Amino acid sequence: TFHFTAIIMLPIYLLTFIRLRKVTRKTIVIVSVILIILALLLGNIIMPVIESLVIEKYIYSGYLDSMNYDANILVYVFAFGVLIVCIAALVISERRLTNRDLRWTILATLYVISVLMTAIVFMAGRLSYYFIPFIMILLPNALAGIKKDLRVLAVPILILVCVAYFAITIPGNTIGIDQMTFAKKKEK
């Protein structure tokens, strides 16, 4: 059988074919902005279609009932903020950027997009699990290229931001990681 979420791996496969002679800072910013704008514009069209395709399988689970959830705005702010920090670090980086930097940035952007899509269909939050490793890879790689005195200030702040993000997205404690949620259930 084919699990519907497996299709999310298609961008990872397609990214192996991207080879630019020169990756510029402008390229990274433009690609990320275009991906986020496309996701916001097309999300209201694509996500309901995806929801209708899998509704039979998950109809009794409650995952698809996005009307019963209020998203915690801090989840979006932190996810988007970490991506912005990564992109900013790449822009001010002193090292030469590579195709790998562009790929990590695209995949980290897809992570943020999957988190943003939870506002439309709650179940989309599950897709973020596939892309979260890429933002964890991009973060130290992006910070490695900035000046040492700036890095000494940025790293502790980012560690605190990541810990806060982790605490917000996981209710209760880390033992309850299997009960991960990205929104609070509405009171009836």
N, C-alpha and C. Protein backbone atom coordinates (compact mmCIF):
# COMPACT_ATOMS: atom_id res chain seq x y z
N THR A 1 0.83 -1.19 0.00
CA THR A 1 0.00 0.00 0.00
C THR A 1 0.87 1.24 0.00
N PHE A 2 0.29 2.32 -0.41
CA PHE A 2 0.98 3.60 -0.51
C PHE A 2 0.38 4.55 0.51
N HIS A 3 1.20 5.03 1.42
CA HIS A 3 0.72 5.98 2.42
C HIS A 3 0.72 7.37 1.80
N PHE A 4 -0.38 8.09 1.98
CA PHE A 4 -0.52 9.40 1.34
C PHE A 4 0.58 10.39 1.72
N THR A 5 1.09 10.32 2.94
CA THR A 5 2.12 11.28 3.33
C THR A 5 3.46 11.01 2.67
N ALA A 6 3.61 9.83 2.05
CA ALA A 6 4.88 9.52 1.37
C ALA A 6 5.12 10.45 0.19
N ILE A 7 4.07 11.02 -0.37
CA ILE A 7 4.22 11.92 -1.51
C ILE A 7 4.98 13.19 -1.11
N ILE A 8 5.03 13.47 0.17
CA ILE A 8 5.74 14.67 0.64
C ILE A 8 7.24 14.55 0.40
N MET A 9 7.73 13.33 0.18
CA MET A 9 9.15 13.14 -0.09
C MET A 9 9.53 13.50 -1.53
N LEU A 10 8.56 13.77 -2.37
CA LEU A 10 8.82 14.15 -3.75
C LEU A 10 9.72 15.40 -3.86
N PRO A 11 9.50 16.46 -3.07
CA PRO A 11 10.41 17.61 -3.17
C PRO A 11 11.86 17.27 -2.86
N ILE A 12 12.07 16.35 -1.94
CA ILE A 12 13.43 15.96 -1.59
C ILE A 12 14.10 15.29 -2.78
N TYR A 13 13.38 14.44 -3.45
CA TYR A 13 13.91 13.78 -4.65
C TYR A 13 14.19 14.81 -5.75
N LEU A 14 13.25 15.72 -5.98
CA LEU A 14 13.42 16.72 -7.04
C LEU A 14 14.58 17.68 -6.76
N LEU A 15 14.85 17.93 -5.49
CA LEU A 15 15.95 18.84 -5.14
C LEU A 15 17.32 18.29 -5.51
N THR A 16 17.42 16.99 -5.68
CA THR A 16 18.72 16.42 -6.06
C THR A 16 19.11 16.83 -7.47
N PHE A 17 18.15 17.30 -8.26
CA PHE A 17 18.44 17.71 -9.64
C PHE A 17 18.81 19.19 -9.76
N ILE A 18 18.67 19.95 -8.67
CA ILE A 18 19.00 21.38 -8.72
C ILE A 18 20.51 21.55 -8.60
N ARG A 19 21.09 22.15 -9.62
CA ARG A 19 22.51 22.44 -9.62
C ARG A 19 22.71 23.81 -10.24
N LEU A 20 23.06 24.76 -9.43
CA LEU A 20 23.34 26.10 -9.92
C LEU A 20 24.84 26.32 -9.93
N ARG A 21 25.30 27.04 -10.95
CA ARG A 21 26.75 27.33 -10.99
C ARG A 21 27.17 28.19 -9.82
N LYS A 22 26.34 29.15 -9.53
CA LYS A 22 26.67 30.05 -8.43
C LYS A 22 25.40 30.30 -7.61
N VAL A 23 25.45 29.96 -6.34
CA VAL A 23 24.33 30.22 -5.44
C VAL A 23 24.61 31.54 -4.75
N THR A 24 23.72 32.49 -4.96
CA THR A 24 23.90 33.81 -4.34
C THR A 24 22.97 33.95 -3.14
N ARG A 25 23.27 34.93 -2.34
CA ARG A 25 22.41 35.22 -1.20
C ARG A 25 21.02 35.64 -1.67
N LYS A 26 20.99 36.38 -2.77
CA LYS A 26 19.72 36.82 -3.34
C LYS A 26 18.88 35.62 -3.78
N THR A 27 19.51 34.60 -4.35
CA THR A 27 18.80 33.40 -4.79
C THR A 27 18.10 32.73 -3.62
N ILE A 28 18.80 32.60 -2.51
CA ILE A 28 18.23 31.94 -1.33
C ILE A 28 17.03 32.70 -0.81
N VAL A 29 17.14 34.01 -0.72
CA VAL A 29 16.04 34.83 -0.22
C VAL A 29 14.85 34.75 -1.19
N ILE A 30 15.10 34.90 -2.48
CA ILE A 30 14.02 34.90 -3.47
C ILE A 30 13.29 33.57 -3.49
N VAL A 31 14.03 32.46 -3.48
CA VAL A 31 13.40 31.14 -3.51
C VAL A 31 12.53 30.93 -2.27
N SER A 32 13.02 31.29 -1.11
CA SER A 32 12.24 31.12 0.13
C SER A 32 10.98 31.98 0.11
N VAL A 33 11.11 33.22 -0.31
CA VAL A 33 9.95 34.12 -0.36
C VAL A 33 8.91 33.61 -1.36
N ILE A 34 9.36 33.16 -2.52
CA ILE A 34 8.43 32.64 -3.53
C ILE A 34 7.70 31.40 -3.01
N LEU A 35 8.42 30.49 -2.35
CA LEU A 35 7.78 29.29 -1.80
C LEU A 35 6.71 29.64 -0.77
N ILE A 36 7.02 30.58 0.11
CA ILE A 36 6.05 30.96 1.15
C ILE A 36 4.85 31.67 0.54
N ILE A 37 5.07 32.56 -0.42
CA ILE A 37 3.95 33.25 -1.07
C ILE A 37 3.07 32.25 -1.82
N LEU A 38 3.69 31.33 -2.56
CA LEU A 38 2.91 30.30 -3.26
C LEU A 38 2.10 29.46 -2.28
N ALA A 39 2.70 29.10 -1.18
CA ALA A 39 1.99 28.29 -0.18
C ALA A 39 0.80 29.05 0.38
N LEU A 40 0.98 30.32 0.68
CA LEU A 40 -0.11 31.11 1.23
C LEU A 40 -1.22 31.32 0.20
N LEU A 41 -0.84 31.55 -1.05
CA LEU A 41 -1.84 31.77 -2.10
C LEU A 41 -2.56 30.48 -2.48
N LEU A 42 -1.82 29.39 -2.61
CA LEU A 42 -2.41 28.13 -3.07
C LEU A 42 -2.90 27.23 -1.94
N GLY A 43 -2.50 27.55 -0.71
CA GLY A 43 -2.88 26.71 0.42
C GLY A 43 -4.37 26.56 0.59
N ASN A 44 -5.12 27.64 0.40
CA ASN A 44 -6.57 27.57 0.54
C ASN A 44 -7.22 26.74 -0.56
N ILE A 45 -6.51 26.52 -1.66
CA ILE A 45 -7.03 25.71 -2.76
C ILE A 45 -6.58 24.26 -2.61
N ILE A 46 -5.29 24.07 -2.34
CA ILE A 46 -4.71 22.72 -2.32
C ILE A 46 -5.10 21.93 -1.08
N MET A 47 -5.04 22.54 0.09
CA MET A 47 -5.28 21.80 1.32
C MET A 47 -6.70 21.22 1.40
N PRO A 48 -7.75 21.94 1.01
CA PRO A 48 -9.08 21.30 1.01
C PRO A 48 -9.18 20.12 0.03
N VAL A 49 -8.46 20.19 -1.09
CA VAL A 49 -8.45 19.07 -2.03
C VAL A 49 -7.79 17.85 -1.38
N ILE A 50 -6.66 18.08 -0.73
CA ILE A 50 -5.97 16.99 -0.03
C ILE A 50 -6.87 16.43 1.07
N GLU A 51 -7.53 17.32 1.77
CA GLU A 51 -8.44 16.89 2.84
C GLU A 51 -9.54 15.99 2.28
N SER A 52 -10.10 16.36 1.15
CA SER A 52 -11.18 15.55 0.58
C SER A 52 -10.66 14.20 0.06
N LEU A 53 -9.40 14.13 -0.35
CA LEU A 53 -8.84 12.86 -0.84
C LEU A 53 -8.65 11.84 0.28
N VAL A 54 -8.32 12.32 1.46
CA VAL A 54 -8.03 11.40 2.56
C VAL A 54 -9.11 11.36 3.62
N ILE A 55 -10.21 12.05 3.38
CA ILE A 55 -11.24 12.16 4.41
C ILE A 55 -11.84 10.81 4.79
N GLU A 56 -11.97 9.91 3.82
CA GLU A 56 -12.55 8.60 4.12
C GLU A 56 -11.69 7.83 5.12
N LYS A 57 -10.39 7.94 4.98
CA LYS A 57 -9.49 7.18 5.84
C LYS A 57 -9.47 7.73 7.27
N TYR A 58 -9.57 9.04 7.42
CA TYR A 58 -9.41 9.67 8.72
C TYR A 58 -10.69 10.30 9.27
N ILE A 59 -11.82 10.00 8.68
CA ILE A 59 -13.05 10.68 9.04
C ILE A 59 -13.39 10.56 10.53
N TYR A 60 -13.11 9.42 11.14
CA TYR A 60 -13.47 9.22 12.53
C TYR A 60 -12.36 9.62 13.50
N SER A 61 -11.19 9.98 13.00
CA SER A 61 -10.06 10.28 13.87
C SER A 61 -10.10 11.69 14.45
N GLY A 62 -10.78 12.60 13.78
CA GLY A 62 -10.81 13.99 14.24
C GLY A 62 -9.66 14.82 13.72
N TYR A 63 -8.68 14.18 13.04
CA TYR A 63 -7.54 14.92 12.52
C TYR A 63 -7.95 15.95 11.48
N LEU A 64 -8.94 15.64 10.71
CA LEU A 64 -9.31 16.53 9.60
C LEU A 64 -10.25 17.63 10.02
N ASP A 65 -10.69 17.61 11.23
CA ASP A 65 -11.67 18.59 11.67
C ASP A 65 -10.96 19.87 12.10
N SER A 66 -10.50 20.63 11.13
CA SER A 66 -9.73 21.84 11.45
C SER A 66 -10.59 22.93 12.05
N MET A 67 -11.91 22.80 11.97
CA MET A 67 -12.79 23.81 12.51
C MET A 67 -12.83 23.78 14.04
N ASN A 68 -12.39 22.70 14.66
CA ASN A 68 -12.43 22.57 16.11
C ASN A 68 -11.13 22.99 16.79
N TYR A 69 -10.22 23.63 16.07
CA TYR A 69 -8.93 23.97 16.65
C TYR A 69 -8.59 25.44 16.44
N ASP A 70 -8.05 26.02 17.47
CA ASP A 70 -7.49 27.37 17.39
C ASP A 70 -5.98 27.22 17.41
N ALA A 71 -5.32 27.68 16.38
CA ALA A 71 -3.87 27.55 16.30
C ALA A 71 -3.22 28.49 17.31
N ASN A 72 -2.16 28.02 17.94
CA ASN A 72 -1.36 28.86 18.82
C ASN A 72 -0.44 29.69 17.93
N ILE A 73 -0.64 30.98 17.91
CA ILE A 73 0.09 31.87 17.02
C ILE A 73 1.60 31.82 17.28
N LEU A 74 2.02 31.50 18.50
CA LEU A 74 3.44 31.44 18.82
C LEU A 74 4.15 30.32 18.05
N VAL A 75 3.42 29.26 17.72
CA VAL A 75 4.02 28.17 16.94
C VAL A 75 4.45 28.73 15.58
N TYR A 76 3.58 29.51 14.96
CA TYR A 76 3.90 30.09 13.66
C TYR A 76 5.03 31.12 13.76
N VAL A 77 4.96 31.92 14.80
CA VAL A 77 5.97 32.97 14.98
C VAL A 77 7.36 32.37 15.19
N PHE A 78 7.46 31.36 16.06
CA PHE A 78 8.76 30.75 16.30
C PHE A 78 9.30 30.01 15.08
N ALA A 79 8.44 29.24 14.41
CA ALA A 79 8.89 28.50 13.23
C ALA A 79 9.37 29.45 12.15
N PHE A 80 8.58 30.48 11.90
CA PHE A 80 8.95 31.46 10.89
C PHE A 80 10.18 32.25 11.32
N GLY A 81 10.27 32.56 12.61
CA GLY A 81 11.41 33.32 13.13
C GLY A 81 12.73 32.57 12.98
N VAL A 82 12.73 31.28 13.26
CA VAL A 82 13.96 30.49 13.11
C VAL A 82 14.39 30.45 11.65
N LEU A 83 13.42 30.31 10.73
CA LEU A 83 13.75 30.32 9.30
C LEU A 83 14.34 31.67 8.89
N ILE A 84 13.75 32.75 9.36
CA ILE A 84 14.25 34.10 9.03
C ILE A 84 15.68 34.27 9.55
N VAL A 85 15.95 33.79 10.76
CA VAL A 85 17.30 33.87 11.32
C VAL A 85 18.28 33.08 10.46
N CYS A 86 17.88 31.90 10.03
CA CYS A 86 18.75 31.07 9.17
C CYS A 86 19.05 31.79 7.86
N ILE A 87 18.02 32.33 7.23
CA ILE A 87 18.21 33.04 5.96
C ILE A 87 19.08 34.28 6.17
N ALA A 88 18.83 35.00 7.25
CA ALA A 88 19.65 36.19 7.54
C ALA A 88 21.11 35.80 7.78
N ALA A 89 21.33 34.70 8.49
CA ALA A 89 22.71 34.24 8.73
C ALA A 89 23.39 33.86 7.42
N LEU A 90 22.65 33.25 6.51
CA LEU A 90 23.23 32.92 5.21
C LEU A 90 23.54 34.17 4.40
N VAL A 91 22.68 35.17 4.52
CA VAL A 91 22.89 36.42 3.78
C VAL A 91 24.14 37.14 4.27
N ILE A 92 24.37 37.16 5.59
CA ILE A 92 25.54 37.88 6.11
C ILE A 92 26.77 36.97 6.25
N SER A 93 26.62 35.73 5.83
CA SER A 93 27.70 34.75 5.93
C SER A 93 28.94 35.21 5.16
N GLU A 94 30.10 34.88 5.72
CA GLU A 94 31.36 35.24 5.07
C GLU A 94 31.86 34.13 4.14
N ARG A 95 31.23 32.99 4.22
CA ARG A 95 31.68 31.88 3.38
C ARG A 95 30.91 31.85 2.06
N ARG A 96 31.46 31.13 1.10
CA ARG A 96 30.82 30.97 -0.20
C ARG A 96 29.64 30.02 -0.05
N LEU A 97 28.48 30.41 -0.55
CA LEU A 97 27.29 29.58 -0.46
C LEU A 97 27.30 28.51 -1.55
N THR A 98 26.70 27.37 -1.25
CA THR A 98 26.71 26.24 -2.17
C THR A 98 25.29 25.79 -2.50
N ASN A 99 25.18 24.85 -3.43
CA ASN A 99 23.88 24.25 -3.75
C ASN A 99 23.28 23.59 -2.52
N ARG A 100 24.11 23.05 -1.67
CA ARG A 100 23.63 22.41 -0.45
C ARG A 100 22.93 23.42 0.44
N ASP A 101 23.47 24.62 0.56
CA ASP A 101 22.81 25.67 1.35
C ASP A 101 21.43 25.99 0.79
N LEU A 102 21.34 26.06 -0.53
CA LEU A 102 20.05 26.33 -1.16
C LEU A 102 19.06 25.19 -0.89
N ARG A 103 19.52 23.96 -0.99
CA ARG A 103 18.63 22.81 -0.74
C ARG A 103 18.14 22.79 0.70
N TRP A 104 19.05 23.00 1.65
CA TRP A 104 18.64 23.01 3.06
C TRP A 104 17.63 24.13 3.31
N THR A 105 17.85 25.28 2.68
CA THR A 105 16.94 26.41 2.87
C THR A 105 15.56 26.09 2.30
N ILE A 106 15.52 25.48 1.12
CA ILE A 106 14.23 25.12 0.52
C ILE A 106 13.49 24.12 1.41
N LEU A 107 14.20 23.11 1.91
CA LEU A 107 13.56 22.11 2.75
C LEU A 107 13.14 22.68 4.11
N ALA A 108 13.93 23.59 4.65
CA ALA A 108 13.54 24.26 5.90
C ALA A 108 12.32 25.14 5.66
N THR A 109 12.25 25.77 4.49
CA THR A 109 11.08 26.58 4.13
C THR A 109 9.85 25.68 4.02
N LEU A 110 10.01 24.48 3.48
CA LEU A 110 8.89 23.55 3.40
C LEU A 110 8.41 23.14 4.79
N TYR A 111 9.33 23.09 5.74
CA TYR A 111 8.93 22.82 7.13
C TYR A 111 8.01 23.93 7.63
N VAL A 112 8.42 25.17 7.44
CA VAL A 112 7.61 26.30 7.90
C VAL A 112 6.27 26.32 7.17
N ILE A 113 6.27 26.01 5.88
CA ILE A 113 5.02 25.97 5.12
C ILE A 113 4.10 24.89 5.68
N SER A 114 4.64 23.73 6.02
CA SER A 114 3.78 22.66 6.57
C SER A 114 3.20 23.07 7.92
N VAL A 115 3.95 23.84 8.70
CA VAL A 115 3.42 24.35 9.97
C VAL A 115 2.33 25.37 9.69
N LEU A 116 2.56 26.27 8.72
CA LEU A 116 1.55 27.27 8.38
C LEU A 116 0.26 26.63 7.86
N MET A 117 0.39 25.53 7.17
CA MET A 117 -0.79 24.86 6.59
C MET A 117 -1.70 24.25 7.66
N THR A 118 -1.21 24.12 8.89
CA THR A 118 -2.07 23.60 9.96
C THR A 118 -3.22 24.55 10.25
N ALA A 119 -3.08 25.81 9.87
CA ALA A 119 -4.18 26.76 10.04
C ALA A 119 -5.35 26.43 9.13
N ILE A 120 -5.08 25.73 8.03
CA ILE A 120 -6.14 25.38 7.08
C ILE A 120 -6.66 23.97 7.37
N VAL A 121 -5.75 23.02 7.48
CA VAL A 121 -6.11 21.63 7.80
C VAL A 121 -5.19 21.18 8.92
N PHE A 122 -5.77 20.86 10.05
CA PHE A 122 -4.99 20.52 11.24
C PHE A 122 -4.03 19.36 10.99
N MET A 123 -4.44 18.40 10.21
CA MET A 123 -3.62 17.22 9.96
C MET A 123 -2.32 17.54 9.23
N ALA A 124 -2.24 18.67 8.58
CA ALA A 124 -1.02 19.06 7.86
C ALA A 124 0.16 19.21 8.81
N GLY A 125 -0.10 19.42 10.08
CA GLY A 125 0.98 19.51 11.06
C GLY A 125 1.82 18.25 11.13
N ARG A 126 1.21 17.12 10.78
CA ARG A 126 1.96 15.86 10.78
C ARG A 126 3.05 15.88 9.72
N LEU A 127 2.85 16.61 8.64
CA LEU A 127 3.84 16.67 7.57
C LEU A 127 5.11 17.40 8.00
N SER A 128 4.98 18.26 9.00
CA SER A 128 6.16 19.00 9.47
C SER A 128 7.22 18.07 10.05
N TYR A 129 6.81 16.89 10.52
CA TYR A 129 7.79 15.94 11.05
C TYR A 129 8.80 15.52 10.00
N TYR A 130 8.36 15.47 8.75
CA TYR A 130 9.27 15.07 7.68
C TYR A 130 10.35 16.12 7.43
N PHE A 131 10.03 17.39 7.64
CA PHE A 131 10.94 18.47 7.28
C PHE A 131 11.70 19.08 8.45
N ILE A 132 11.34 18.76 9.67
CA ILE A 132 12.01 19.38 10.82
C ILE A 132 13.51 19.07 10.86
N PRO A 133 13.97 17.91 10.42
CA PRO A 133 15.43 17.69 10.44
C PRO A 133 16.20 18.69 9.58
N PHE A 134 15.56 19.18 8.54
CA PHE A 134 16.27 20.09 7.64
C PHE A 134 16.48 21.47 8.25
N ILE A 135 15.56 21.92 9.07
CA ILE A 135 15.80 23.20 9.74
C ILE A 135 16.86 23.01 10.83
N MET A 136 16.92 21.80 11.41
CA MET A 136 17.95 21.52 12.42
C MET A 136 19.34 21.42 11.77
N ILE A 137 19.38 21.03 10.51
CA ILE A 137 20.65 20.97 9.78
C ILE A 137 21.04 22.37 9.29
N LEU A 138 20.06 23.12 8.81
CA LEU A 138 20.34 24.45 8.27
C LEU A 138 20.84 25.41 9.35
N LEU A 139 20.27 25.34 10.52
CA LEU A 139 20.61 26.29 11.58
C LEU A 139 22.10 26.34 11.91
N PRO A 140 22.75 25.23 12.27
CA PRO A 140 24.19 25.33 12.57
C PRO A 140 25.02 25.64 11.32
N ASN A 141 24.60 25.16 10.15
CA ASN A 141 25.35 25.47 8.92
C ASN A 141 25.28 26.95 8.59
N ALA A 142 24.12 27.55 8.81
CA ALA A 142 23.97 28.98 8.54
C ALA A 142 24.78 29.81 9.53
N LEU A 143 24.78 29.39 10.79
CA LEU A 143 25.52 30.15 11.81
C LEU A 143 27.03 29.99 11.67
N ALA A 144 27.48 28.92 11.06
CA ALA A 144 28.92 28.66 10.95
C ALA A 144 29.63 29.72 10.11
N GLY A 145 28.91 30.38 9.21
CA GLY A 145 29.56 31.33 8.33
C GLY A 145 29.59 32.77 8.82
N ILE A 146 28.93 33.05 9.94
CA ILE A 146 28.92 34.44 10.40
C ILE A 146 30.12 34.72 11.30
N LYS A 147 30.39 35.99 11.52
CA LYS A 147 31.55 36.39 12.32
C LYS A 147 31.45 35.83 13.74
N LYS A 148 32.62 35.51 14.30
CA LYS A 148 32.66 34.85 15.60
C LYS A 148 32.02 35.68 16.70
N ASP A 149 32.26 36.99 16.74
CA ASP A 149 31.69 37.81 17.81
C ASP A 149 30.16 37.89 17.72
N LEU A 150 29.63 37.85 16.51
CA LEU A 150 28.18 37.83 16.33
C LEU A 150 27.62 36.44 16.66
N ARG A 151 28.36 35.40 16.33
CA ARG A 151 27.94 34.03 16.62
C ARG A 151 27.85 33.79 18.12
N VAL A 152 28.78 34.36 18.89
CA VAL A 152 28.78 34.20 20.34
C VAL A 152 27.49 34.76 20.94
N LEU A 153 26.95 35.80 20.35
CA LEU A 153 25.69 36.39 20.81
C LEU A 153 24.49 35.61 20.26
N ALA A 154 24.55 35.21 18.99
CA ALA A 154 23.40 34.59 18.32
C ALA A 154 23.10 33.18 18.81
N VAL A 155 24.12 32.38 19.06
CA VAL A 155 23.91 30.97 19.42
C VAL A 155 23.11 30.82 20.72
N PRO A 156 23.47 31.47 21.82
CA PRO A 156 22.66 31.29 23.04
C PRO A 156 21.21 31.77 22.87
N ILE A 157 21.03 32.85 22.14
CA ILE A 157 19.68 33.35 21.90
C ILE A 157 18.87 32.32 21.10
N LEU A 158 19.48 31.77 20.07
CA LEU A 158 18.79 30.77 19.25
C LEU A 158 18.50 29.49 20.03
N ILE A 159 19.39 29.12 20.93
CA ILE A 159 19.14 27.94 21.76
C ILE A 159 17.89 28.18 22.62
N LEU A 160 17.79 29.36 23.20
CA LEU A 160 16.61 29.69 24.01
C LEU A 160 15.34 29.72 23.17
N VAL A 161 15.43 30.26 21.96
CA VAL A 161 14.27 30.31 21.06
C VAL A 161 13.83 28.88 20.70
N CYS A 162 14.79 28.02 20.39
CA CYS A 162 14.45 26.64 20.03
C CYS A 162 13.86 25.87 21.21
N VAL A 163 14.37 26.10 22.41
CA VAL A 163 13.81 25.45 23.60
C VAL A 163 12.39 25.96 23.85
N ALA A 164 12.18 27.26 23.68
CA ALA A 164 10.83 27.83 23.85
C ALA A 164 9.88 27.26 22.80
N TYR A 165 10.34 27.13 21.58
CA TYR A 165 9.52 26.57 20.51
C TYR A 165 9.14 25.12 20.83
N PHE A 166 10.11 24.37 21.31
CA PHE A 166 9.87 22.98 21.69
C PHE A 166 8.84 22.91 22.82
N ALA A 167 8.97 23.78 23.81
CA ALA A 167 8.06 23.78 24.95
C ALA A 167 6.64 24.18 24.53
N ILE A 168 6.51 25.08 23.58
CA ILE A 168 5.20 25.53 23.13
C ILE A 168 4.50 24.46 22.30
N THR A 169 5.25 23.78 21.45
CA THR A 169 4.62 22.81 20.56
C THR A 169 4.33 21.48 21.23
N ILE A 170 4.94 21.20 22.37
CA ILE A 170 4.70 19.95 23.07
C ILE A 170 4.05 20.27 24.41
N PRO A 171 2.74 20.03 24.49
CA PRO A 171 2.07 20.31 25.76
C PRO A 171 2.47 19.28 26.82
N GLY A 172 2.43 19.69 28.05
CA GLY A 172 2.82 18.77 29.13
C GLY A 172 4.33 18.73 29.27
N ASN A 173 4.90 17.56 29.00
CA ASN A 173 6.34 17.43 29.13
C ASN A 173 6.89 16.60 27.98
N THR A 174 8.20 16.41 27.95
CA THR A 174 8.83 15.69 26.85
C THR A 174 8.48 14.21 26.85
N ILE A 175 8.03 13.69 27.97
CA ILE A 175 7.61 12.29 28.02
C ILE A 175 6.37 12.10 27.15
N GLY A 176 5.55 13.13 27.05
CA GLY A 176 4.33 13.06 26.25
C GLY A 176 4.54 13.45 24.80
N ILE A 177 5.72 13.20 24.26
CA ILE A 177 6.04 13.63 22.89
C ILE A 177 5.11 13.00 21.85
N ASP A 178 4.56 11.82 22.14
CA ASP A 178 3.66 11.20 21.19
C ASP A 178 2.31 11.91 21.12
N GLN A 179 2.03 12.79 22.05
CA GLN A 179 0.78 13.55 22.04
C GLN A 179 0.99 14.94 21.48
N MET A 180 2.01 15.09 20.66
CA MET A 180 2.36 16.39 20.10
C MET A 180 1.19 17.03 19.37
N THR A 181 0.99 18.29 19.62
CA THR A 181 -0.11 19.01 18.97
C THR A 181 0.36 20.40 18.61
N PHE A 182 -0.26 20.98 17.61
CA PHE A 182 0.11 22.31 17.17
C PHE A 182 -1.01 23.31 17.41
N ALA A 183 -2.06 22.89 18.07
CA ALA A 183 -3.19 23.77 18.31
C ALA A 183 -3.92 23.34 19.57
N LYS A 184 -4.74 24.24 20.08
CA LYS A 184 -5.55 23.93 21.25
C LYS A 184 -6.97 23.65 20.80
N LYS A 185 -7.60 22.67 21.42
CA LYS A 185 -8.97 22.33 21.07
C LYS A 185 -9.92 23.39 21.60
N LYS A 186 -10.88 23.78 20.77
CA LYS A 186 -11.87 24.78 21.17
C LYS A 186 -12.81 24.20 22.21
N GLU A 187 -13.22 25.05 23.13
CA GLU A 187 -14.24 24.67 24.09
C GLU A 187 -15.58 24.80 23.43
N LYS A 188 -16.47 23.84 23.67
CA LYS A 188 -17.80 23.90 23.05
C LYS A 188 -18.79 24.59 23.95
